[in-house]
């Protein structure tokens, strides 16, 4: 799956055309060509820098950089974005550049200039490298988004409209771990949940019992209430209860990975297409564009565009290379083309886009 995080939140990869490119440091890239495709090629240095940009954004990906399947995916993704960027028209490139610069400035200011510099320095990435990477992302995504019509967006909404339903729900969570951190068996959790439900059935106050019993820190002090939340923010079993449980009735305990929830749905509102905000429509369009990229990656890219890939063998490195892997190139030379990058982990914060509707309780990222 394409991880278009920068297009989704920053919002979530453009590469120049054919042949050898000038390095950002001003010299020719003379490292070995490791991939060729229709209209272009990628060198060891370019791929090395690609990995370092990914790691600057998501250091936890380092272990994957030593996995052959992941590296194959990464190089193919880099090819995809190089190729697609080269096909974008000037207007699309200008729009992509503008969005990338806006998001670059936003990311830099929100991170703090010093922290942002540390993030790049840790992987020996220049601001120009990083900005080019973002330009690639937004140029390609802008191009793909233009292929998605409003009718496509409406059709996707109709197929997933349930996810846009909002609900106000009170719940009490009996966790599989007690407040002292001791593991609680499923049987014990269910027994306690049923005891709490019995109190509610007798008419005891839901808010008071939530404060007394609920182990969801995100809602217990609010009487267990999550108000007007899109149901797609919740884990599946909780979501289904919010969608189907009769209003203002105490349902049977619902099991999720967190524990057992005693739920009362107090309000539920279905949305029509006309009710969506422009941001929601844009997100649907972006999702569909991302899906199109996935189809391209597994279809024409593999069958028609890529000519040859010969990745260097991974070697563990303890030297200056910030990636922790070394493919035989000097990561510090910075001999990259005007823009190498991917959509893959462009992103910081894709999961953070989800509304935090319940820490440790009902919430899950979209």
Protein backbone atom coordinates (compact mmCIF):
# COMPACT_ATOMS: atom_id res chain seq x y z
CA UNK A 1 0.00 0.00 0.00
CA UNK A 2 1.21 3.49 -0.82
CA UNK A 3 1.72 5.42 2.38
CA UNK A 4 0.82 8.90 1.21
CA UNK A 5 1.21 10.52 4.57
CA UNK A 6 2.44 13.89 3.44
CA UNK A 7 -0.53 14.20 1.14
CA UNK A 8 -2.94 13.18 3.85
CA UNK A 9 -1.62 15.31 6.64
CA UNK A 10 1.34 17.28 5.61
CA UNK A 11 -1.40 15.84 3.25
CA UNK A 12 1.58 12.62 1.49
CA UNK A 13 6.63 11.44 -3.38
CA UNK A 14 9.22 14.07 -8.64
CA UNK A 15 11.85 13.31 -10.22
CA UNK A 16 13.55 14.77 -13.18
CA UNK A 17 13.52 13.25 -16.61
CA UNK A 18 16.16 11.24 -18.34
CA UNK A 19 19.81 10.37 -18.12
CA UNK A 20 22.40 11.59 -15.64
CA UNK A 21 21.40 14.49 -13.43
CA UNK A 22 23.43 17.16 -11.73
CA UNK A 23 24.04 16.45 -8.07
CA UNK A 24 22.68 18.88 -5.51
CA UNK A 25 26.26 19.46 -4.43
CA UNK A 26 27.06 20.64 -7.94
CA UNK A 27 28.92 17.61 -9.32
CA UNK A 28 28.06 14.70 -11.54
CA UNK A 29 26.76 11.54 -9.97
CA UNK A 30 29.20 8.87 -11.09
CA UNK A 31 27.93 6.06 -8.87
CA UNK A 32 26.67 2.83 -10.37
CA UNK A 33 23.29 2.76 -12.12
CA UNK A 34 21.16 0.26 -10.22
CA UNK A 35 17.81 0.70 -11.99
CA UNK A 36 16.69 1.67 -15.46
CA UNK A 37 13.19 2.43 -16.62
CA UNK A 38 11.45 4.00 -19.58
CA UNK A 39 13.00 7.45 -19.82
CA UNK A 40 15.41 7.38 -16.90
CA UNK A 41 17.66 5.64 -14.40
CA UNK A 42 18.52 5.59 -10.70
CA UNK A 43 22.01 5.37 -9.23
CA UNK A 44 23.31 3.96 -5.96
CA UNK A 45 23.79 7.44 -4.54
CA UNK A 46 20.26 8.46 -5.44
CA UNK A 47 18.77 5.37 -3.84
CA UNK A 48 20.96 5.82 -0.77
CA UNK A 49 19.67 9.35 -0.37
CA UNK A 50 16.14 8.10 -0.86
CA UNK A 51 16.55 5.79 2.11
CA UNK A 52 18.04 8.54 4.25
CA UNK A 53 15.11 10.86 3.57
CA UNK A 54 12.70 8.11 4.60
CA UNK A 55 14.70 7.59 7.79
CA UNK A 56 14.82 11.29 8.55
CA UNK A 57 11.03 11.25 8.56
CA UNK A 58 10.58 7.86 10.22
CA UNK A 59 13.69 6.59 12.04
CA UNK A 60 11.79 3.49 13.13
CA UNK A 61 11.93 2.28 9.51
CA UNK A 62 15.64 1.53 9.80
CA UNK A 63 15.14 -2.19 10.35
CA UNK A 64 13.17 -2.39 7.10
CA UNK A 65 16.06 -0.92 5.13
CA UNK A 66 17.88 -4.22 5.52
CA UNK A 67 14.95 -6.26 4.20
CA UNK A 68 15.16 -7.10 0.52
CA UNK A 69 11.41 -6.97 -0.10
CA UNK A 70 11.15 -3.50 1.39
CA UNK A 71 14.13 -2.21 -0.55
CA UNK A 72 12.66 -3.60 -3.76
CA UNK A 73 9.43 -1.81 -2.97
CA UNK A 74 11.26 1.42 -2.21
CA UNK A 75 13.23 1.44 -5.47
CA UNK A 76 10.09 0.68 -7.46
CA UNK A 77 8.28 3.47 -5.70
CA UNK A 78 11.14 5.84 -6.48
CA UNK A 79 10.92 4.83 -10.13
CA UNK A 80 7.16 5.35 -10.12
CA UNK A 81 7.45 8.88 -8.82
CA UNK A 82 10.30 9.80 -11.13
CA UNK A 83 8.37 8.53 -14.10
CA UNK A 84 5.03 10.09 -13.18
CA UNK A 85 6.58 13.45 -12.33
CA UNK A 86 8.25 13.57 -15.72
CA UNK A 87 4.82 13.16 -17.33
CA UNK A 88 3.19 16.02 -15.38
CA UNK A 89 2.48 19.22 -17.29
CA UNK A 90 3.92 22.58 -16.24
CA UNK A 91 0.73 23.74 -14.55
CA UNK A 92 0.60 20.62 -12.40
CA UNK A 93 4.28 20.93 -11.52
CA UNK A 94 3.76 24.53 -10.46
CA UNK A 95 0.76 23.56 -8.30
CA UNK A 96 2.73 20.70 -6.73
CA UNK A 97 5.67 22.97 -6.00
CA UNK A 98 3.45 25.56 -4.36
CA UNK A 99 1.78 22.99 -2.08
CA UNK A 100 5.13 21.43 -1.21
CA UNK A 101 6.64 24.77 -0.24
CA UNK A 102 3.64 25.61 1.93
CA UNK A 103 3.86 22.28 3.72
CA UNK A 104 7.65 22.48 4.02
CA UNK A 105 7.35 25.84 5.78
CA UNK A 106 4.56 24.50 8.00
CA UNK A 107 6.52 21.40 8.97
CA UNK A 108 9.66 23.42 9.66
CA UNK A 109 7.83 25.95 11.84
CA UNK A 110 5.79 23.35 13.74
CA UNK A 111 8.87 21.21 14.44
CA UNK A 112 10.99 24.19 15.40
CA UNK A 113 13.93 25.23 13.26
CA UNK A 114 16.51 23.58 15.51
CA UNK A 115 14.67 20.26 15.72
CA UNK A 116 14.02 20.28 12.00
CA UNK A 117 17.73 20.82 11.31
CA UNK A 118 18.65 18.00 13.69
CA UNK A 119 16.22 15.67 11.89
CA UNK A 120 17.91 16.36 8.56
CA UNK A 121 21.46 16.43 9.91
CA UNK A 122 21.01 13.02 11.51
CA UNK A 123 20.70 11.55 8.01
CA UNK A 124 22.99 14.05 6.23
CA UNK A 125 20.09 15.53 4.27
CA UNK A 126 20.04 19.12 3.07
CA UNK A 127 16.95 21.30 3.09
CA UNK A 128 17.12 21.34 -0.69
CA UNK A 129 17.06 17.53 -0.79
CA UNK A 130 14.09 17.41 1.53
CA UNK A 131 12.18 20.14 -0.27
CA UNK A 132 12.72 18.42 -3.62
CA UNK A 133 11.39 15.24 -2.08
CA UNK A 134 8.22 17.01 -1.00
CA UNK A 135 7.84 18.66 -4.39
CA UNK A 136 7.87 15.20 -5.94
CA UNK A 137 5.14 13.99 -3.65
CA UNK A 138 2.83 16.88 -4.27
CA UNK A 139 3.43 17.08 -7.99
CA UNK A 140 2.56 13.44 -8.53
CA UNK A 141 -0.36 13.51 -6.14
CA UNK A 142 -1.68 16.68 -7.75
CA UNK A 143 -1.47 14.95 -11.12
CA UNK A 144 -3.28 11.87 -9.83
CA UNK A 145 -5.93 13.93 -8.05
CA UNK A 146 -6.77 15.69 -11.28
CA UNK A 147 -7.80 12.33 -12.71
CA UNK A 148 -10.45 11.89 -9.99
CA UNK A 149 -13.77 13.51 -10.89
CA UNK A 150 -16.43 14.73 -8.50
CA UNK A 151 -18.59 11.83 -9.65
CA UNK A 152 -15.80 9.49 -8.54
CA UNK A 153 -15.77 11.19 -5.14
CA UNK A 154 -19.56 10.93 -4.83
CA UNK A 155 -19.49 7.25 -5.76
CA UNK A 156 -16.81 6.52 -3.16
CA UNK A 157 -18.76 8.41 -0.52
CA UNK A 158 -21.91 6.42 -1.25
CA UNK A 159 -19.91 3.19 -0.90
CA UNK A 160 -18.46 4.26 2.45
CA UNK A 161 -21.05 6.74 3.74
CA UNK A 162 -21.55 4.74 6.92
CA UNK A 163 -18.06 5.83 8.02
CA UNK A 164 -19.16 9.46 7.98
CA UNK A 165 -22.01 8.89 10.41
CA UNK A 166 -21.46 10.78 13.66
CA UNK A 167 -22.57 9.49 17.03
CA UNK A 168 -22.65 10.62 20.63
CA UNK A 169 -21.84 7.64 22.82
CA UNK A 170 -21.37 7.01 26.51
CA UNK A 171 -19.36 3.98 27.44
CA UNK A 172 -17.67 2.32 30.38
CA UNK A 173 -14.56 0.31 29.63
CA UNK A 174 -13.51 -2.64 31.73
CA UNK A 175 -9.96 -3.22 30.58
CA UNK A 176 -8.00 -6.45 30.31
CA UNK A 177 -5.53 -4.83 32.70
CA UNK A 178 -6.68 -3.52 36.07
CA UNK A 179 -5.71 -0.05 37.41
CA UNK A 180 -2.72 -1.58 39.24
CA UNK A 181 -1.39 -2.99 35.98
CA UNK A 182 -2.31 -6.57 36.76
CA UNK A 183 -3.62 -8.66 33.88
CA UNK A 184 -7.33 -9.35 34.05
CA UNK A 185 -8.75 -12.41 32.31
CA UNK A 186 -11.46 -12.05 29.69
CA UNK A 187 -13.84 -13.87 31.99
CA UNK A 188 -13.10 -11.55 34.89
CA UNK A 189 -13.47 -8.46 32.70
CA UNK A 190 -16.81 -9.66 31.32
CA UNK A 191 -18.07 -10.52 34.81
CA UNK A 192 -17.32 -7.02 36.06
CA UNK A 193 -18.81 -5.46 32.91
CA UNK A 194 -22.05 -7.36 33.49
CA UNK A 195 -22.14 -6.21 37.10
CA UNK A 196 -21.79 -2.60 35.98
CA UNK A 197 -24.49 -3.08 33.34
CA UNK A 198 -26.82 -4.48 35.97
CA UNK A 199 -26.38 -1.27 37.99
CA UNK A 200 -27.21 0.77 34.90
CA UNK A 201 -30.26 -1.37 34.18
CA UNK A 202 -31.51 -0.57 37.68
CA UNK A 203 -31.33 3.13 36.84
CA UNK A 204 -28.03 4.21 38.38
CA UNK A 205 -26.42 7.26 36.79
CA UNK A 206 -24.25 6.45 33.79
CA UNK A 207 -21.86 9.38 34.25
CA UNK A 208 -21.29 8.57 37.90
CA UNK A 209 -20.64 4.89 37.16
CA UNK A 210 -18.27 5.84 34.34
CA UNK A 211 -16.20 7.94 36.72
CA UNK A 212 -16.20 5.07 39.22
CA UNK A 213 -15.57 2.09 36.95
CA UNK A 214 -14.40 3.12 33.49
CA UNK A 215 -10.75 2.47 32.64
CA UNK A 216 -10.76 4.65 29.56
CA UNK A 217 -8.81 7.77 30.56
CA UNK A 218 -10.05 9.56 27.46
CA UNK A 219 -13.67 9.65 28.60
CA UNK A 220 -14.17 8.56 32.22
CA UNK A 221 -13.89 12.07 33.66
CA UNK A 222 -16.43 13.21 31.09
CA UNK A 223 -18.98 10.68 32.28
CA UNK A 224 -17.92 8.25 29.56
CA UNK A 225 -19.11 10.59 26.82
CA UNK A 226 -17.74 10.96 23.30
CA UNK A 227 -19.87 13.56 21.56
CA UNK A 228 -20.49 13.87 17.81
CA UNK A 229 -17.59 11.67 16.72
CA UNK A 230 -17.31 10.11 13.28
CA UNK A 231 -17.73 6.38 13.85
CA UNK A 232 -14.78 5.59 11.57
CA UNK A 233 -12.50 6.79 14.37
CA UNK A 234 -13.44 3.80 16.50
CA UNK A 235 -12.31 0.19 16.38
CA UNK A 236 -14.63 -2.05 14.40
CA UNK A 237 -16.70 -3.67 17.16
CA UNK A 238 -17.24 -0.35 18.92
CA UNK A 239 -18.05 1.30 15.59
CA UNK A 240 -20.68 -1.32 14.78
CA UNK A 241 -22.29 -0.86 18.18
CA UNK A 242 -22.41 2.90 17.62
CA UNK A 243 -24.05 2.32 14.23
CA UNK A 244 -26.59 -0.35 15.15
CA UNK A 245 -27.42 -0.20 18.83
CA UNK A 246 -30.89 1.24 19.58
CA UNK A 247 -30.68 4.81 20.85
CA UNK A 248 -30.66 5.39 24.61
CA UNK A 249 -30.55 1.70 25.46
CA UNK A 250 -27.80 -0.04 27.40
CA UNK A 251 -26.32 -2.69 25.14
CA UNK A 252 -24.72 -5.97 26.12
CA UNK A 253 -20.97 -5.64 26.80
CA UNK A 254 -19.00 -5.29 23.57
CA UNK A 255 -15.55 -6.86 23.39
CA UNK A 256 -12.63 -5.08 21.68
CA UNK A 257 -8.88 -5.50 22.01
CA UNK A 258 -9.05 -3.10 24.95
CA UNK A 259 -11.60 -4.94 27.03
CA UNK A 260 -15.39 -4.88 27.43
CA UNK A 261 -17.43 -1.75 26.78
CA UNK A 262 -20.87 -1.03 28.16
CA UNK A 263 -22.34 1.35 25.62
CA UNK A 264 -25.28 3.73 25.37
CA UNK A 265 -25.72 5.51 22.03
CA UNK A 266 -27.35 8.85 22.73
CA UNK A 267 -27.46 10.32 19.21
CA UNK A 268 -26.61 9.28 15.67
CA UNK A 269 -26.57 11.40 12.51
CA UNK A 270 -26.09 10.11 9.00
CA UNK A 271 -24.45 12.42 6.48
CA UNK A 272 -25.34 13.17 2.89
CA UNK A 273 -22.75 14.11 0.31
CA UNK A 274 -23.87 17.73 0.57
CA UNK A 275 -23.02 17.67 4.29
CA UNK A 276 -19.33 16.90 3.70
CA UNK A 277 -16.78 19.64 4.25
CA UNK A 278 -14.40 20.46 1.41
CA UNK A 279 -11.63 18.92 3.49
CA UNK A 280 -13.54 15.62 3.65
CA UNK A 281 -14.14 15.67 -0.10
CA UNK A 282 -10.46 16.39 -0.66
CA UNK A 283 -9.51 13.46 1.55
CA UNK A 284 -11.74 11.12 -0.47
CA UNK A 285 -10.15 12.43 -3.66
CA UNK A 286 -6.68 11.90 -2.21
CA UNK A 287 -7.55 8.35 -1.15
CA UNK A 288 -8.78 7.53 -4.64
CA UNK A 289 -5.65 9.07 -6.14
CA UNK A 290 -3.53 6.96 -3.79
CA UNK A 291 -5.42 3.86 -4.91
CA UNK A 292 -4.66 4.77 -8.52
CA UNK A 293 -0.98 4.97 -7.65
CA UNK A 294 -1.19 1.53 -6.06
CA UNK A 295 -2.73 0.18 -9.27
CA UNK A 296 0.02 1.79 -11.34
CA UNK A 297 2.69 0.33 -9.06
CA UNK A 298 1.36 -3.21 -9.38
CA UNK A 299 0.33 -2.88 -13.03
CA UNK A 300 1.99 -0.80 -15.73
CA UNK A 301 5.06 0.02 -13.66
CA UNK A 302 5.98 -3.64 -13.25
CA UNK A 303 4.86 -4.76 -16.70
CA UNK A 304 5.85 -1.88 -18.97
CA UNK A 305 7.98 0.82 -17.32
CA UNK A 306 10.75 -0.91 -15.35
CA UNK A 307 13.53 -2.35 -17.48
CA UNK A 308 16.07 -3.55 -14.90
CA UNK A 309 16.77 -3.38 -11.17
CA UNK A 310 20.05 -4.50 -9.60
CA UNK A 311 20.09 -3.43 -5.97
CA UNK A 312 23.47 -3.50 -4.19
CA UNK A 313 23.86 -5.97 -1.39
CA UNK A 314 23.00 -4.60 2.03
CA UNK A 315 25.92 -4.26 4.41
CA UNK A 316 25.63 -3.26 8.04
CA UNK A 317 27.35 0.05 8.60
CA UNK A 318 28.55 1.68 11.79
CA UNK A 319 30.16 4.58 9.99
CA UNK A 320 28.90 8.01 9.06
CA UNK A 321 26.05 6.78 6.96
CA UNK A 322 22.95 7.66 8.91
CA UNK A 323 20.85 4.87 7.48
CA UNK A 324 22.55 2.05 9.34
CA UNK A 325 22.90 0.26 5.99
CA UNK A 326 25.52 0.87 3.36
CA UNK A 327 25.23 -0.11 -0.25
CA UNK A 328 28.81 0.77 -1.02
CA UNK A 329 28.22 4.48 -1.55
CA UNK A 330 29.26 7.46 0.50
CA UNK A 331 26.09 8.83 2.01
CA UNK A 332 27.82 12.07 2.74
CA UNK A 333 28.53 12.93 -0.89
CA UNK A 334 24.97 14.06 -1.48
CA UNK A 335 25.22 13.35 -5.18
CA UNK A 336 21.56 13.28 -5.91
CA UNK A 337 19.38 14.45 -8.65
CA UNK A 338 17.08 17.41 -8.41
CA UNK A 339 14.50 15.38 -6.73
CA UNK A 340 14.55 11.81 -5.72
CA UNK A 341 12.00 10.50 -3.35
CA UNK A 342 8.95 8.48 -2.74
CA UNK A 343 5.54 8.79 -1.35
CA UNK A 344 6.15 5.93 0.89
CA UNK A 345 6.95 7.29 4.21
CA UNK A 346 6.76 10.84 3.29
CA UNK A 347 4.86 11.14 6.06
CA UNK A 348 4.90 12.01 9.37
CA UNK A 349 1.65 11.88 11.07
CA UNK A 350 -0.59 9.90 8.78
CA UNK A 351 -2.10 8.19 11.77
CA UNK A 352 -2.30 11.44 13.61
CA UNK A 353 -4.89 12.60 11.15
CA UNK A 354 -7.49 10.55 12.90
CA UNK A 355 -9.56 12.23 15.51
CA UNK A 356 -8.42 11.09 18.92
CA UNK A 357 -11.77 9.99 20.12
CA UNK A 358 -10.70 7.81 22.93
CA UNK A 359 -7.29 7.00 24.26
CA UNK A 360 -7.09 3.34 25.25
CA UNK A 361 -10.81 3.07 24.84
CA UNK A 362 -12.69 3.12 21.61
CA UNK A 363 -10.34 5.05 19.40
CA UNK A 364 -8.37 3.82 16.46
CA UNK A 365 -6.70 5.70 13.65
CA UNK A 366 -8.38 5.80 10.29
